[in-house]
Amino acid sequence: MSELTIDQLIKIILGVLVVIAVIIALYFFFKNQVIDFFRGFNLSKIFLNLIKR
């Protein structure tokens, strides 16, 4: 079995931190646009239109 060295642990920790930072950045970047897109979204009207057809 291979052992984890300090270098490997540092790379794993940095990789996890980078992934978390990217996820947080994407959340803040798209937060307002996604919320505004779905704000006027009404599922009941869509289902009623599908039933009428």
Protein backbone atom coordinates (compact mmCIF):
# COMPACT_ATOMS: atom_id res chain seq x y z
CA MET A 1 0.00 0.00 0.00
CA SER A 2 1.20 3.48 -0.74
CA GLU A 3 1.38 6.01 2.02
CA LEU A 4 0.17 9.56 1.82
CA THR A 5 3.02 12.00 1.98
CA ILE A 6 2.83 15.62 3.05
CA ASP A 7 3.09 16.71 -0.60
CA GLN A 8 0.12 14.57 -1.58
CA LEU A 9 -1.94 15.83 1.35
CA ILE A 10 -1.18 19.44 0.43
CA LYS A 11 -2.21 18.79 -3.19
CA ILE A 12 -5.45 17.13 -2.08
CA ILE A 13 -6.30 19.98 0.29
CA LEU A 14 -5.52 22.61 -2.35
CA GLY A 15 -7.62 20.76 -4.91
CA VAL A 16 -10.60 20.61 -2.56
CA LEU A 17 -10.24 24.32 -1.75
CA VAL A 18 -10.11 25.22 -5.44
CA VAL A 19 -13.25 23.19 -6.17
CA ILE A 20 -15.08 24.86 -3.27
CA ALA A 21 -13.94 28.31 -4.43
CA VAL A 22 -15.18 27.65 -7.99
CA ILE A 23 -18.57 26.44 -6.73
CA ILE A 24 -18.97 29.52 -4.51
CA ALA A 25 -17.93 31.84 -7.35
CA LEU A 26 -20.41 30.25 -9.76
CA TYR A 27 -23.15 30.54 -7.13
CA PHE A 28 -22.56 34.25 -6.61
CA PHE A 29 -22.18 34.89 -10.35
CA PHE A 30 -25.44 33.19 -11.37
CA LYS A 31 -27.47 33.84 -8.20
CA ASN A 32 -29.39 36.86 -9.45
CA GLN A 33 -29.90 35.66 -13.01
CA VAL A 34 -31.22 32.23 -12.09
CA ILE A 35 -33.55 33.60 -9.42
CA ASP A 36 -34.89 36.26 -11.83
CA PHE A 37 -35.41 33.62 -14.54
CA PHE A 38 -37.50 31.37 -12.31
CA ARG A 39 -39.34 34.18 -10.48
CA GLY A 40 -42.04 34.46 -13.17
CA PHE A 41 -42.11 30.72 -13.74
CA ASN A 42 -45.52 29.23 -13.00
CA LEU A 43 -45.78 25.45 -13.30
CA SER A 44 -49.57 25.37 -12.94
CA LYS A 45 -50.04 27.46 -16.09
CA ILE A 46 -47.71 25.20 -18.04
CA PHE A 47 -49.54 22.05 -16.92
CA LEU A 48 -52.94 23.60 -17.69
CA ASN A 49 -51.76 24.52 -21.20
CA LEU A 50 -50.48 20.98 -21.75
CA ILE A 51 -53.79 19.48 -20.61
CA LYS A 52 -55.84 21.77 -22.89
CA ARG A 53 -53.93 20.66 -26.01
